[in-house]
Each structure stands twice: as C-alpha cells, then as structure tokens.
C-alpha cells in the first residue's frame, strides 16, 4: 500500500517526544505501566529507558529515532490495521516502523498479554 509522500514526510519529521506522552497516557489510562511500555518499545527498537530519555531530550524525529533503532527481526509478524492502513502493506519502511510502534502500544493499552505483543515465530 502506498502512503502519500506528504504522509511519509509528516511521519519522518514528527518528534518522538511529542508522541511519547500520548503513549504513556494511553497505556496508564488502561491500567498498564510505563515499564511495560518501555518493554514493548525495547522489544521493537532495542532502546532502553536511558536511550528513550536521550531521544526525548534531543527532540529526535521519528526518522532519527528509527535510524538509531535495531528493529526486532520478528517485527514483520506485526500485522493488522492501524489508522486505516494495513501495516503489512505499507511500502515505506519508516512509516511501517512507526505504525509497528503504534500497533504495539494499542495492543498494550487493550490489555493484550505481553507474550502475544512480543511476537515470536
């Protein structure tokens, strides 16, 4: 699935620090913890809490965020729809990675078990 150039640029230029508080609020509102959120982010990106703090302080864009990340080899097992897009059909790598993160946060907030969120073959 092709996303528009404008959509992809918006994703690339959005800062992680502008989205992170929304992730925190979303999961805490549903009774999950920041530690669980960090575990999910670490699974996808390899980032620890100290890395996240540095990226937030440096106002890293998602392009910078994901250029430093080590994407989990099982990330391609993340499928389904998010924001009207089928994740597995998104052609632009960066946009697909941002949507992977969005999907994992959604699953955490919806109460899905951690073993299911942190996919393995």
PDB file of N, CA and C in Angstrom:
ATOM      1  N   UNK A   1       0.854  -1.171   0.000  1.00  0.00           N
ATOM      2  CA  UNK A   1       0.000   0.000   0.000  1.00  0.00           C
ATOM      3  C   UNK A   1       0.896   1.228   0.000  1.00  0.00           C
ATOM      4  N   UNK A   2       0.597   2.116  -0.887  1.00  0.00           N
ATOM      5  CA  UNK A   2       1.360   3.343  -0.954  1.00  0.00           C
ATOM      6  C   UNK A   2       0.722   4.407  -0.077  1.00  0.00           C
ATOM      7  N   UNK A   3       1.540   4.981   0.785  1.00  0.00           N
ATOM      8  CA  UNK A   3       1.125   6.158   1.531  1.00  0.00           C
ATOM      9  C   UNK A   3       1.588   7.354   0.706  1.00  0.00           C
ATOM     10  N   UNK A   4       1.025   8.503   0.964  1.00  0.00           N
ATOM     11  CA  UNK A   4       1.430   9.670   0.190  1.00  0.00           C
ATOM     12  C   UNK A   4       2.786  10.173   0.661  1.00  0.00           C
ATOM     13  N   UNK A   5       3.442  10.904  -0.207  1.00  0.00           N
ATOM     14  CA  UNK A   5       4.736  11.499   0.132  1.00  0.00           C
ATOM     15  C   UNK A   5       4.581  12.424   1.331  1.00  0.00           C
ATOM     16  N   UNK A   6       3.508  13.184   1.365  1.00  0.00           N
ATOM     17  CA  UNK A   6       3.253  14.110   2.463  1.00  0.00           C
ATOM     18  C   UNK A   6       3.075  13.358   3.785  1.00  0.00           C
ATOM     19  N   UNK A   7       2.337  12.254   3.736  1.00  0.00           N
ATOM     20  CA  UNK A   7       2.119  11.430   4.925  1.00  0.00           C
ATOM     21  C   UNK A   7       3.449  10.902   5.455  1.00  0.00           C
ATOM     22  N   UNK A   8       4.270  10.380   4.549  1.00  0.00           N
ATOM     23  CA  UNK A   8       5.570   9.832   4.944  1.00  0.00           C
ATOM     24  C   UNK A   8       6.481  10.912   5.526  1.00  0.00           C
ATOM     25  N   UNK A   9       6.462  12.101   4.928  1.00  0.00           N
ATOM     26  CA  UNK A   9       7.277  13.208   5.440  1.00  0.00           C
ATOM     27  C   UNK A   9       6.801  13.648   6.819  1.00  0.00           C
ATOM     28  N   UNK A  10       5.490  13.675   7.018  1.00  0.00           N
ATOM     29  CA  UNK A  10       4.934  14.041   8.321  1.00  0.00           C
ATOM     30  C   UNK A  10       5.406  13.044   9.388  1.00  0.00           C
ATOM     31  N   UNK A  11       5.371  11.764   9.049  1.00  0.00           N
ATOM     32  CA  UNK A  11       5.846  10.726   9.980  1.00  0.00           C
ATOM     33  C   UNK A  11       7.324  10.922  10.291  1.00  0.00           C
ATOM     34  N   UNK A  12       8.120  11.154   9.267  1.00  0.00           N
ATOM     35  CA  UNK A  12       9.568  11.291   9.434  1.00  0.00           C
ATOM     36  C   UNK A  12       9.926  12.486  10.306  1.00  0.00           C
ATOM     37  N   UNK A  13       9.175  13.577  10.172  1.00  0.00           N
ATOM     38  CA  UNK A  13       9.507  14.821  10.868  1.00  0.00           C
ATOM     39  C   UNK A  13       8.853  14.968  12.237  1.00  0.00           C
ATOM     40  N   UNK A  14       7.927  14.089  12.567  1.00  0.00           N
ATOM     41  CA  UNK A  14       7.287  14.133  13.881  1.00  0.00           C
ATOM     42  C   UNK A  14       8.314  13.734  14.933  1.00  0.00           C
ATOM     43  N   UNK A  15       8.320  14.420  16.062  1.00  0.00           N
ATOM     44  CA  UNK A  15       9.292  14.075  17.097  1.00  0.00           C
ATOM     45  C   UNK A  15       8.729  12.993  18.015  1.00  0.00           C
ATOM     46  N   UNK A  16       9.629  12.118  18.429  1.00  0.00           N
ATOM     47  CA  UNK A  16       9.233  11.071  19.368  1.00  0.00           C
ATOM     48  C   UNK A  16       8.734  11.699  20.662  1.00  0.00           C
ATOM     49  N   UNK A  17       9.365  12.798  21.082  1.00  0.00           N
ATOM     50  CA  UNK A  17       8.972  13.453  22.341  1.00  0.00           C
ATOM     51  C   UNK A  17       7.553  14.006  22.293  1.00  0.00           C
ATOM     52  N   UNK A  18       7.033  14.303  21.108  1.00  0.00           N
ATOM     53  CA  UNK A  18       5.662  14.810  21.009  1.00  0.00           C
ATOM     54  C   UNK A  18       4.633  13.683  21.107  1.00  0.00           C
ATOM     55  N   UNK A  19       5.039  12.468  20.790  1.00  0.00           N
ATOM     56  CA  UNK A  19       4.127  11.326  20.784  1.00  0.00           C
ATOM     57  C   UNK A  19       4.223  10.502  22.074  1.00  0.00           C
ATOM     58  N   UNK A  20       5.413  10.450  22.650  1.00  0.00           N
ATOM     59  CA  UNK A  20       5.649   9.629  23.840  1.00  0.00           C
ATOM     60  C   UNK A  20       4.657   9.898  24.974  1.00  0.00           C
ATOM     61  N   UNK A  21       4.357  11.167  25.333  1.00  0.00           N
ATOM     62  CA  UNK A  21       3.387  11.392  26.411  1.00  0.00           C
ATOM     63  C   UNK A  21       2.001  10.808  26.105  1.00  0.00           C
ATOM     64  N   UNK A  22       1.650  10.773  24.831  1.00  0.00           N
ATOM     65  CA  UNK A  22       0.366  10.182  24.446  1.00  0.00           C
ATOM     66  C   UNK A  22       0.394   8.659  24.631  1.00  0.00           C
ATOM     67  N   UNK A  23       1.534   8.048  24.313  1.00  0.00           N
ATOM     68  CA  UNK A  23       1.692   6.612  24.554  1.00  0.00           C
ATOM     69  C   UNK A  23       1.541   6.314  26.045  1.00  0.00           C
ATOM     70  N   UNK A  24       2.227   7.098  26.874  1.00  0.00           N
ATOM     71  CA  UNK A  24       2.179   6.901  28.320  1.00  0.00           C
ATOM     72  C   UNK A  24       0.747   7.050  28.825  1.00  0.00           C
ATOM     73  N   UNK A  25       0.086   8.118  28.428  1.00  0.00           N
ATOM     74  CA  UNK A  25      -1.294   8.364  28.881  1.00  0.00           C
ATOM     75  C   UNK A  25      -2.220   7.237  28.444  1.00  0.00           C
ATOM     76  N   UNK A  26      -2.046   6.776  27.236  1.00  0.00           N
ATOM     77  CA  UNK A  26      -2.908   5.720  26.698  1.00  0.00           C
ATOM     78  C   UNK A  26      -2.786   4.430  27.495  1.00  0.00           C
ATOM     79  N   UNK A  27      -1.553   4.021  27.779  1.00  0.00           N
ATOM     80  CA  UNK A  27      -1.386   2.750  28.486  1.00  0.00           C
ATOM     81  C   UNK A  27      -1.745   2.876  29.963  1.00  0.00           C
ATOM     82  N   UNK A  28      -1.402   4.005  30.591  1.00  0.00           N
ATOM     83  CA  UNK A  28      -1.724   4.175  32.006  1.00  0.00           C
ATOM     84  C   UNK A  28      -3.231   4.283  32.225  1.00  0.00           C
ATOM     85  N   UNK A  29      -3.926   4.902  31.301  1.00  0.00           N
ATOM     86  CA  UNK A  29      -5.385   5.030  31.393  1.00  0.00           C
ATOM     87  C   UNK A  29      -6.047   3.648  31.432  1.00  0.00           C
ATOM     88  N   UNK A  30      -5.399   2.684  30.798  1.00  0.00           N
ATOM     89  CA  UNK A  30      -5.937   1.327  30.735  1.00  0.00           C
ATOM     90  C   UNK A  30      -5.300   0.391  31.762  1.00  0.00           C
ATOM     91  N   UNK A  31      -4.580   0.978  32.742  1.00  0.00           N
ATOM     92  CA  UNK A  31      -4.039   0.166  33.827  1.00  0.00           C
ATOM     93  C   UNK A  31      -2.710  -0.502  33.550  1.00  0.00           C
ATOM     94  N   UNK A  32      -2.047  -0.129  32.466  1.00  0.00           N
ATOM     95  CA  UNK A  32      -0.719  -0.683  32.183  1.00  0.00           C
ATOM     96  C   UNK A  32       0.329   0.290  32.703  1.00  0.00           C
ATOM     97  N   UNK A  33       1.588  -0.137  32.722  1.00  0.00           N
ATOM     98  CA  UNK A  33       2.644   0.672  33.329  1.00  0.00           C
ATOM     99  C   UNK A  33       3.628   1.215  32.287  1.00  0.00           C
ATOM    100  N   UNK A  34       4.358   2.229  32.720  1.00  0.00           N
ATOM    101  CA  UNK A  34       5.422   2.776  31.874  1.00  0.00           C
ATOM    102  C   UNK A  34       6.481   1.703  31.633  1.00  0.00           C
ATOM    103  N   UNK A  35       6.737   0.878  32.629  1.00  0.00           N
ATOM    104  CA  UNK A  35       7.719  -0.201  32.476  1.00  0.00           C
ATOM    105  C   UNK A  35       7.287  -1.157  31.363  1.00  0.00           C
ATOM    106  N   UNK A  36       5.996  -1.461  31.304  1.00  0.00           N
ATOM    107  CA  UNK A  36       5.500  -2.331  30.228  1.00  0.00           C
ATOM    108  C   UNK A  36       5.643  -1.635  28.874  1.00  0.00           C
ATOM    109  N   UNK A  37       5.349  -0.343  28.840  1.00  0.00           N
ATOM    110  CA  UNK A  37       5.514   0.422  27.604  1.00  0.00           C
ATOM    111  C   UNK A  37       6.968   0.380  27.158  1.00  0.00           C
ATOM    112  N   UNK A  38       7.885   0.592  28.093  1.00  0.00           N
ATOM    113  CA  UNK A  38       9.309   0.563  27.755  1.00  0.00           C
ATOM    114  C   UNK A  38       9.742  -0.828  27.282  1.00  0.00           C
ATOM    115  N   UNK A  39       9.164  -1.858  27.856  1.00  0.00           N
ATOM    116  CA  UNK A  39       9.485  -3.225  27.425  1.00  0.00           C
ATOM    117  C   UNK A  39       9.064  -3.449  25.976  1.00  0.00           C
ATOM    118  N   UNK A  40       7.891  -2.947  25.631  1.00  0.00           N
ATOM    119  CA  UNK A  40       7.384  -3.077  24.258  1.00  0.00           C
ATOM    120  C   UNK A  40       8.275  -2.285  23.294  1.00  0.00           C
ATOM    121  N   UNK A  41       8.624  -1.067  23.667  1.00  0.00           N
ATOM    122  CA  UNK A  41       9.486  -0.244  22.809  1.00  0.00           C
ATOM    123  C   UNK A  41      10.859  -0.896  22.666  1.00  0.00           C
ATOM    124  N   UNK A  42      11.385  -1.427  23.760  1.00  0.00           N
ATOM    125  CA  UNK A  42      12.691  -2.097  23.721  1.00  0.00           C
ATOM    126  C   UNK A  42      12.647  -3.317  22.815  1.00  0.00           C
ATOM    127  N   UNK A  43      11.564  -4.070  22.865  1.00  0.00           N
ATOM    128  CA  UNK A  43      11.442  -5.254  22.010  1.00  0.00           C
ATOM    129  C   UNK A  43      11.520  -4.846  20.539  1.00  0.00           C
ATOM    130  N   UNK A  44      10.823  -3.790  20.180  1.00  0.00           N
ATOM    131  CA  UNK A  44      10.782  -3.364  18.776  1.00  0.00           C
ATOM    132  C   UNK A  44      12.085  -2.709  18.346  1.00  0.00           C
ATOM    133  N   UNK A  45      12.665  -1.854  19.200  1.00  0.00           N
ATOM    134  CA  UNK A  45      13.755  -0.976  18.766  1.00  0.00           C
ATOM    135  C   UNK A  45      15.120  -1.283  19.358  1.00  0.00           C
ATOM    136  N   UNK A  46      15.149  -2.006  20.476  1.00  0.00           N
ATOM    137  CA  UNK A  46      16.396  -2.233  21.184  1.00  0.00           C
ATOM    138  C   UNK A  46      16.743  -1.118  22.156  1.00  0.00           C
ATOM    139  N   UNK A  47      15.924  -0.069  22.227  1.00  0.00           N
ATOM    140  CA  UNK A  47      16.200   1.071  23.112  1.00  0.00           C
ATOM    141  C   UNK A  47      15.826   0.754  24.556  1.00  0.00           C
ATOM    142  N   UNK A  48      16.702   1.130  25.464  1.00  0.00           N
ATOM    143  CA  UNK A  48      16.428   1.055  26.892  1.00  0.00           C
ATOM    144  C   UNK A  48      15.875   2.408  27.344  1.00  0.00           C
ATOM    145  N   UNK A  49      15.438   2.482  28.595  1.00  0.00           N
ATOM    146  CA  UNK A  49      14.843   3.718  29.119  1.00  0.00           C
ATOM    147  C   UNK A  49      15.800   4.902  28.996  1.00  0.00           C
ATOM    148  N   UNK A  50      17.086   4.682  29.214  1.00  0.00           N
ATOM    149  CA  UNK A  50      18.054   5.783  29.104  1.00  0.00           C
ATOM    150  C   UNK A  50      18.157   6.282  27.665  1.00  0.00           C
ATOM    151  N   UNK A  51      18.065   5.371  26.703  1.00  0.00           N
ATOM    152  CA  UNK A  51      18.075   5.764  25.290  1.00  0.00           C
ATOM    153  C   UNK A  51      16.848   6.610  24.968  1.00  0.00           C
ATOM    154  N   UNK A  52      15.701   6.185  25.480  1.00  0.00           N
ATOM    155  CA  UNK A  52      14.460   6.924  25.232  1.00  0.00           C
ATOM    156  C   UNK A  52      14.552   8.326  25.807  1.00  0.00           C
ATOM    157  N   UNK A  53      15.104   8.438  27.009  1.00  0.00           N
ATOM    158  CA  UNK A  53      15.246   9.754  27.639  1.00  0.00           C
ATOM    159  C   UNK A  53      16.142  10.664  26.801  1.00  0.00           C
ATOM    160  N   UNK A  54      17.233  10.120  26.306  1.00  0.00           N
ATOM    161  CA  UNK A  54      18.148  10.895  25.457  1.00  0.00           C
ATOM    162  C   UNK A  54      17.460  11.351  24.179  1.00  0.00           C
ATOM    163  N   UNK A  55      16.705  10.451  23.547  1.00  0.00           N
ATOM    164  CA  UNK A  55      15.991  10.787  22.309  1.00  0.00           C
ATOM    165  C   UNK A  55      14.929  11.848  22.551  1.00  0.00           C
ATOM    166  N   UNK A  56      14.271  11.763  23.696  1.00  0.00           N
ATOM    167  CA  UNK A  56      13.263  12.767  24.061  1.00  0.00           C
ATOM    168  C   UNK A  56      13.938  14.119  24.283  1.00  0.00           C
ATOM    169  N   UNK A  57      15.007  14.127  25.054  1.00  0.00           N
ATOM    170  CA  UNK A  57      15.719  15.377  25.343  1.00  0.00           C
ATOM    171  C   UNK A  57      16.277  16.022  24.085  1.00  0.00           C
ATOM    172  N   UNK A  58      16.712  15.201  23.136  1.00  0.00           N
ATOM    173  CA  UNK A  58      17.288  15.708  21.892  1.00  0.00           C
ATOM    174  C   UNK A  58      16.236  16.020  20.828  1.00  0.00           C
ATOM    175  N   UNK A  59      14.958  15.863  21.193  1.00  0.00           N
ATOM    176  CA  UNK A  59      13.866  16.145  20.243  1.00  0.00           C
ATOM    177  C   UNK A  59      14.048  15.365  18.930  1.00  0.00           C
ATOM    178  N   UNK A  60      14.410  14.095  19.055  1.00  0.00           N
ATOM    179  CA  UNK A  60      14.653  13.255  17.882  1.00  0.00           C
ATOM    180  C   UNK A  60      13.367  13.077  17.079  1.00  0.00           C
ATOM    181  N   UNK A  61      13.494  13.240  15.778  1.00  0.00           N
ATOM    182  CA  UNK A  61      12.361  12.941  14.896  1.00  0.00           C
ATOM    183  C   UNK A  61      12.233  11.421  14.799  1.00  0.00           C
ATOM    184  N   UNK A  62      11.101  10.965  14.272  1.00  0.00           N
ATOM    185  CA  UNK A  62      10.957   9.518  14.086  1.00  0.00           C
ATOM    186  C   UNK A  62      11.992   9.005  13.090  1.00  0.00           C
ATOM    187  N   UNK A  63      12.387   9.831  12.132  1.00  0.00           N
ATOM    188  CA  UNK A  63      13.435   9.421  11.203  1.00  0.00           C
ATOM    189  C   UNK A  63      14.737   9.160  11.954  1.00  0.00           C
ATOM    190  N   UNK A  64      15.116  10.066  12.862  1.00  0.00           N
ATOM    191  CA  UNK A  64      16.316   9.869  13.672  1.00  0.00           C
ATOM    192  C   UNK A  64      16.137   8.696  14.635  1.00  0.00           C
ATOM    193  N   UNK A  65      14.977   8.627  15.266  1.00  0.00           N
ATOM    194  CA  UNK A  65      14.656   7.570  16.221  1.00  0.00           C
ATOM    195  C   UNK A  65      14.873   6.197  15.592  1.00  0.00           C
ATOM    196  N   UNK A  66      14.253   5.985  14.441  1.00  0.00           N
ATOM    197  CA  UNK A  66      14.339   4.657  13.827  1.00  0.00           C
ATOM    198  C   UNK A  66      15.668   4.415  13.112  1.00  0.00           C
ATOM    199  N   UNK A  67      16.394   5.473  12.758  1.00  0.00           N
ATOM    200  CA  UNK A  67      17.722   5.261  12.159  1.00  0.00           C
ATOM    201  C   UNK A  67      18.696   4.721  13.198  1.00  0.00           C
ATOM    202  N   UNK A  68      18.457   5.022  14.480  1.00  0.00           N
ATOM    203  CA  UNK A  68      19.304   4.511  15.561  1.00  0.00           C
ATOM    204  C   UNK A  68      18.813   3.171  16.105  1.00  0.00           C
ATOM    205  N   UNK A  69      17.600   2.809  15.776  1.00  0.00           N
ATOM    206  CA  UNK A  69      16.994   1.593  16.326  1.00  0.00           C
ATOM    207  C   UNK A  69      17.522   0.342  15.637  1.00  0.00           C
ATOM    208  N   UNK A  70      17.486  -0.739  16.390  1.00  0.00           N
ATOM    209  CA  UNK A  70      17.747  -2.066  15.836  1.00  0.00           C
ATOM    210  C   UNK A  70      16.399  -2.780  15.846  1.00  0.00           C
ATOM    211  N   UNK A  71      15.743  -2.807  14.703  1.00  0.00           N
ATOM    212  CA  UNK A  71      14.389  -3.358  14.622  1.00  0.00           C
ATOM    213  C   UNK A  71      14.431  -4.867  14.854  1.00  0.00           C
ATOM    214  N   UNK A  72      13.551  -5.324  15.725  1.00  0.00           N
ATOM    215  CA  UNK A  72      13.459  -6.739  16.047  1.00  0.00           C
ATOM    216  C   UNK A  72      13.177  -7.531  14.767  1.00  0.00           C
ATOM    217  N   UNK A  73      13.895  -8.633  14.553  1.00  0.00           N
ATOM    218  CA  UNK A  73      13.668  -9.429  13.344  1.00  0.00           C
ATOM    219  C   UNK A  73      12.247 -10.004  13.248  1.00  0.00           C
ATOM    220  N   UNK A  74      11.549 -10.088  14.368  1.00  0.00           N
ATOM    221  CA  UNK A  74      10.172 -10.596  14.352  1.00  0.00           C
ATOM    222  C   UNK A  74       9.136  -9.493  14.158  1.00  0.00           C
ATOM    223  N   UNK A  75       9.576  -8.270  13.927  1.00  0.00           N
ATOM    224  CA  UNK A  75       8.640  -7.156  13.761  1.00  0.00           C
ATOM    225  C   UNK A  75       7.702  -7.377  12.579  1.00  0.00           C
ATOM    226  N   UNK A  76       8.153  -8.094  11.580  1.00  0.00           N
ATOM    227  CA  UNK A  76       7.294  -8.336  10.416  1.00  0.00           C
ATOM    228  C   UNK A  76       6.075  -9.192  10.771  1.00  0.00           C
ATOM    229  N   UNK A  77       6.079  -9.793  11.967  1.00  0.00           N
ATOM    230  CA  UNK A  77       4.916 -10.561  12.431  1.00  0.00           C
ATOM    231  C   UNK A  77       3.793  -9.640  12.925  1.00  0.00           C
ATOM    232  N   UNK A  78       4.078  -8.336  13.029  1.00  0.00           N
ATOM    233  CA  UNK A  78       3.056  -7.369  13.444  1.00  0.00           C
ATOM    234  C   UNK A  78       2.197  -7.066  12.227  1.00  0.00           C
ATOM    235  N   UNK A  79       0.937  -7.449  12.321  1.00  0.00           N
ATOM    236  CA  UNK A  79       0.015  -7.245  11.200  1.00  0.00           C
ATOM    237  C   UNK A  79      -1.275  -6.621  11.716  1.00  0.00           C
ATOM    238  N   UNK A  80      -2.108  -6.244  10.799  1.00  0.00           N
ATOM    239  CA  UNK A  80      -3.389  -5.666  11.164  1.00  0.00           C
ATOM    240  C   UNK A  80      -3.483  -4.221  10.726  1.00  0.00           C
ATOM    241  N   UNK A  81      -4.579  -3.601  11.091  1.00  0.00           N
ATOM    242  CA  UNK A  81      -4.833  -2.217  10.687  1.00  0.00           C
ATOM    243  C   UNK A  81      -4.543  -1.246  11.817  1.00  0.00           C
ATOM    244  N   UNK A  82      -4.020  -0.104  11.430  1.00  0.00           N
ATOM    245  CA  UNK A  82      -3.807   0.999  12.359  1.00  0.00           C
ATOM    246  C   UNK A  82      -3.985   2.283  11.554  1.00  0.00           C
ATOM    247  N   UNK A  83      -4.822   3.161  12.055  1.00  0.00           N
ATOM    248  CA  UNK A  83      -5.084   4.447  11.399  1.00  0.00           C
ATOM    249  C   UNK A  83      -5.507   4.275   9.939  1.00  0.00           C
ATOM    250  N   UNK A  84      -6.248   3.217   9.660  1.00  0.00           N
ATOM    251  CA  UNK A  84      -6.767   2.993   8.313  1.00  0.00           C
ATOM    252  C   UNK A  84      -5.804   2.332   7.350  1.00  0.00           C
ATOM    253  N   UNK A  85      -4.648   1.933   7.816  1.00  0.00           N
ATOM    254  CA  UNK A  85      -3.655   1.286   6.955  1.00  0.00           C
ATOM    255  C   UNK A  85      -3.401  -0.136   7.439  1.00  0.00           C
ATOM    256  N   UNK A  86      -3.267  -1.077   6.499  1.00  0.00           N
ATOM    257  CA  UNK A  86      -2.822  -2.420   6.830  1.00  0.00           C
ATOM    258  C   UNK A  86      -1.301  -2.348   6.958  1.00  0.00           C
ATOM    259  N   UNK A  87      -0.798  -2.611   8.133  1.00  0.00           N
ATOM    260  CA  UNK A  87       0.633  -2.437   8.406  1.00  0.00           C
ATOM    261  C   UNK A  87       1.499  -3.216   7.423  1.00  0.00           C
ATOM    262  N   UNK A  88       1.133  -4.451   7.190  1.00  0.00           N
ATOM    263  CA  UNK A  88       1.965  -5.300   6.336  1.00  0.00           C
ATOM    264  C   UNK A  88       1.973  -4.853   4.881  1.00  0.00           C
ATOM    265  N   UNK A  89       1.090  -3.925   4.514  1.00  0.00           N
ATOM    266  CA  UNK A  89       1.024  -3.441   3.133  1.00  0.00           C
ATOM    267  C   UNK A  89       1.665  -2.067   2.956  1.00  0.00           C
ATOM    268  N   UNK A  90       2.181  -1.476   4.012  1.00  0.00           N
ATOM    269  CA  UNK A  90       2.816  -0.155   3.913  1.00  0.00           C
ATOM    270  C   UNK A  90       4.191  -0.321   3.274  1.00  0.00           C
ATOM    271  N   UNK A  91       4.415   0.374   2.162  1.00  0.00           N
ATOM    272  CA  UNK A  91       5.656   0.233   1.406  1.00  0.00           C
ATOM    273  C   UNK A  91       6.829   0.997   2.018  1.00  0.00           C
ATOM    274  N   UNK A  92       6.585   2.154   2.586  1.00  0.00           N
ATOM    275  CA  UNK A  92       7.652   2.996   3.115  1.00  0.00           C
ATOM    276  C   UNK A  92       8.118   2.430   4.462  1.00  0.00           C
ATOM    277  N   UNK A  93       9.377   2.069   4.537  1.00  0.00           N
ATOM    278  CA  UNK A  93       9.926   1.402   5.718  1.00  0.00           C
ATOM    279  C   UNK A  93       9.717   2.227   6.987  1.00  0.00           C
ATOM    280  N   UNK A  94      10.068   3.504   6.957  1.00  0.00           N
ATOM    281  CA  UNK A  94       9.946   4.328   8.160  1.00  0.00           C
ATOM    282  C   UNK A  94       8.496   4.412   8.624  1.00  0.00           C
ATOM    283  N   UNK A  95       7.576   4.642   7.715  1.00  0.00           N
ATOM    284  CA  UNK A  95       6.166   4.722   8.075  1.00  0.00           C
ATOM    285  C   UNK A  95       5.685   3.395   8.649  1.00  0.00           C
ATOM    286  N   UNK A  96       6.130   2.281   8.060  1.00  0.00           N
ATOM    287  CA  UNK A  96       5.765   0.956   8.579  1.00  0.00           C
ATOM    288  C   UNK A  96       6.301   0.784   9.996  1.00  0.00           C
ATOM    289  N   UNK A  97       7.523   1.229  10.271  1.00  0.00           N
ATOM    290  CA  UNK A  97       8.093   1.108  11.617  1.00  0.00           C
ATOM    291  C   UNK A  97       7.326   1.943  12.633  1.00  0.00           C
ATOM    292  N   UNK A  98       6.936   3.156  12.252  1.00  0.00           N
ATOM    293  CA  UNK A  98       6.137   3.997  13.158  1.00  0.00           C
ATOM    294  C   UNK A  98       4.811   3.304  13.453  1.00  0.00           C
ATOM    295  N   UNK A  99       4.195   2.735  12.441  1.00  0.00           N
ATOM    296  CA  UNK A  99       2.920   2.043  12.641  1.00  0.00           C
ATOM    297  C   UNK A  99       3.083   0.761  13.437  1.00  0.00           C
ATOM    298  N   UNK A 100       4.230   0.088  13.330  1.00  0.00           N
ATOM    299  CA  UNK A 100       4.511  -1.055  14.209  1.00  0.00           C
ATOM    300  C   UNK A 100       4.430  -0.602  15.663  1.00  0.00           C
ATOM    301  N   UNK A 101       5.104   0.503  15.957  1.00  0.00           N
ATOM    302  CA  UNK A 101       5.123   1.024  17.322  1.00  0.00           C
ATOM    303  C   UNK A 101       3.716   1.390  17.775  1.00  0.00           C
ATOM    304  N   UNK A 102       2.972   2.077  16.918  1.00  0.00           N
ATOM    305  CA  UNK A 102       1.592   2.438  17.256  1.00  0.00           C
ATOM    306  C   UNK A 102       0.755   1.197  17.558  1.00  0.00           C
ATOM    307  N   UNK A 103       0.910   0.168  16.755  1.00  0.00           N
ATOM    308  CA  UNK A 103       0.133  -1.065  16.927  1.00  0.00           C
ATOM    309  C   UNK A 103       0.477  -1.748  18.251  1.00  0.00           C
ATOM    310  N   UNK A 104       1.763  -1.805  18.590  1.00  0.00           N
ATOM    311  CA  UNK A 104       2.169  -2.437  19.842  1.00  0.00           C
ATOM    312  C   UNK A 104       1.620  -1.680  21.045  1.00  0.00           C
ATOM    313  N   UNK A 105       1.665  -0.352  20.986  1.00  0.00           N
ATOM    314  CA  UNK A 105       1.127   0.458  22.080  1.00  0.00           C
ATOM    315  C   UNK A 105      -0.384   0.238  22.194  1.00  0.00           C
ATOM    316  N   UNK A 106      -1.075   0.173  21.065  1.00  0.00           N
ATOM    317  CA  UNK A 106      -2.518  -0.105  21.085  1.00  0.00           C
ATOM    318  C   UNK A 106      -2.813  -1.451  21.732  1.00  0.00           C
ATOM    319  N   UNK A 107      -2.056  -2.462  21.362  1.00  0.00           N
ATOM    320  CA  UNK A 107      -2.278  -3.790  21.929  1.00  0.00           C
ATOM    321  C   UNK A 107      -2.025  -3.800  23.430  1.00  0.00           C
ATOM    322  N   UNK A 108      -0.998  -3.100  23.868  1.00  0.00           N
ATOM    323  CA  UNK A 108      -0.715  -2.998  25.297  1.00  0.00           C
ATOM    324  C   UNK A 108      -1.880  -2.335  26.013  1.00  0.00           C
ATOM    325  N   UNK A 109      -2.359  -1.236  25.462  1.00  0.00           N
ATOM    326  CA  UNK A 109      -3.468  -0.499  26.079  1.00  0.00           C
ATOM    327  C   UNK A 109      -4.759  -1.313  26.093  1.00  0.00           C
ATOM    328  N   UNK A 110      -4.924  -2.187  25.113  1.00  0.00           N
ATOM    329  CA  UNK A 110      -6.142  -3.004  25.042  1.00  0.00           C
ATOM    330  C   UNK A 110      -6.087  -4.225  25.949  1.00  0.00           C
ATOM    331  N   UNK A 111      -4.962  -4.372  26.677  1.00  0.00           N
ATOM    332  CA  UNK A 111      -4.877  -5.458  27.646  1.00  0.00           C
ATOM    333  C   UNK A 111      -4.356  -6.764  27.097  1.00  0.00           C
ATOM    334  N   UNK A 112      -3.821  -6.745  25.901  1.00  0.00           N
ATOM    335  CA  UNK A 112      -3.278  -7.975  25.329  1.00  0.00           C
ATOM    336  C   UNK A 112      -2.108  -8.453  26.177  1.00  0.00           C
ATOM    337  N   UNK A 113      -1.958  -9.756  26.291  1.00  0.00           N
ATOM    338  CA  UNK A 113      -0.882 -10.328  27.093  1.00  0.00           C
ATOM    339  C   UNK A 113       0.473 -10.019  26.455  1.00  0.00           C
ATOM    340  N   UNK A 114       1.439  -9.749  27.322  1.00  0.00           N
ATOM    341  CA  UNK A 114       2.775  -9.371  26.865  1.00  0.00           C
ATOM    342  C   UNK A 114       3.376 -10.439  25.948  1.00  0.00           C
ATOM    343  N   UNK A 115       3.122 -11.705  26.232  1.00  0.00           N
ATOM    344  CA  UNK A 115       3.672 -12.779  25.393  1.00  0.00           C
ATOM    345  C   UNK A 115       3.146 -12.695  23.964  1.00  0.00           C
ATOM    346  N   UNK A 116       1.935 -12.209  23.803  1.00  0.00           N
ATOM    347  CA  UNK A 116       1.339 -12.068  22.473  1.00  0.00           C
ATOM    348  C   UNK A 116       1.867 -10.812  21.765  1.00  0.00           C
ATOM    349  N   UNK A 117       2.068  -9.736  22.542  1.00  0.00           N
ATOM    350  CA  UNK A 117       2.554  -8.488  21.973  1.00  0.00           C
ATOM    351  C   UNK A 117       3.982  -8.659  21.462  1.00  0.00           C
ATOM    352  N   UNK A 118       4.819  -9.298  22.278  1.00  0.00           N
ATOM    353  CA  UNK A 118       6.220  -9.512  21.922  1.00  0.00           C
ATOM    354  C   UNK A 118       6.319 -10.789  21.098  1.00  0.00           C
ATOM    355  N   UNK A 119       6.025 -10.638  19.860  1.00  0.00           N
ATOM    356  CA  UNK A 119       5.855 -11.773  18.955  1.00  0.00           C
ATOM    357  C   UNK A 119       7.115 -12.611  18.789  1.00  0.00           C
ATOM    358  N   UNK A 120       6.875 -13.897  18.613  1.00  0.00           N
ATOM    359  CA  UNK A 120       7.947 -14.824  18.261  1.00  0.00           C
ATOM    360  C   UNK A 120       7.371 -15.820  17.269  1.00  0.00           C
ATOM    361  N   UNK A 121       8.224 -16.333  16.381  1.00  0.00           N
ATOM    362  CA  UNK A 121       7.710 -17.255  15.336  1.00  0.00           C
ATOM    363  C   UNK A 121       7.237 -18.568  15.900  1.00  0.00           C
TER     364      UNK A 121
END
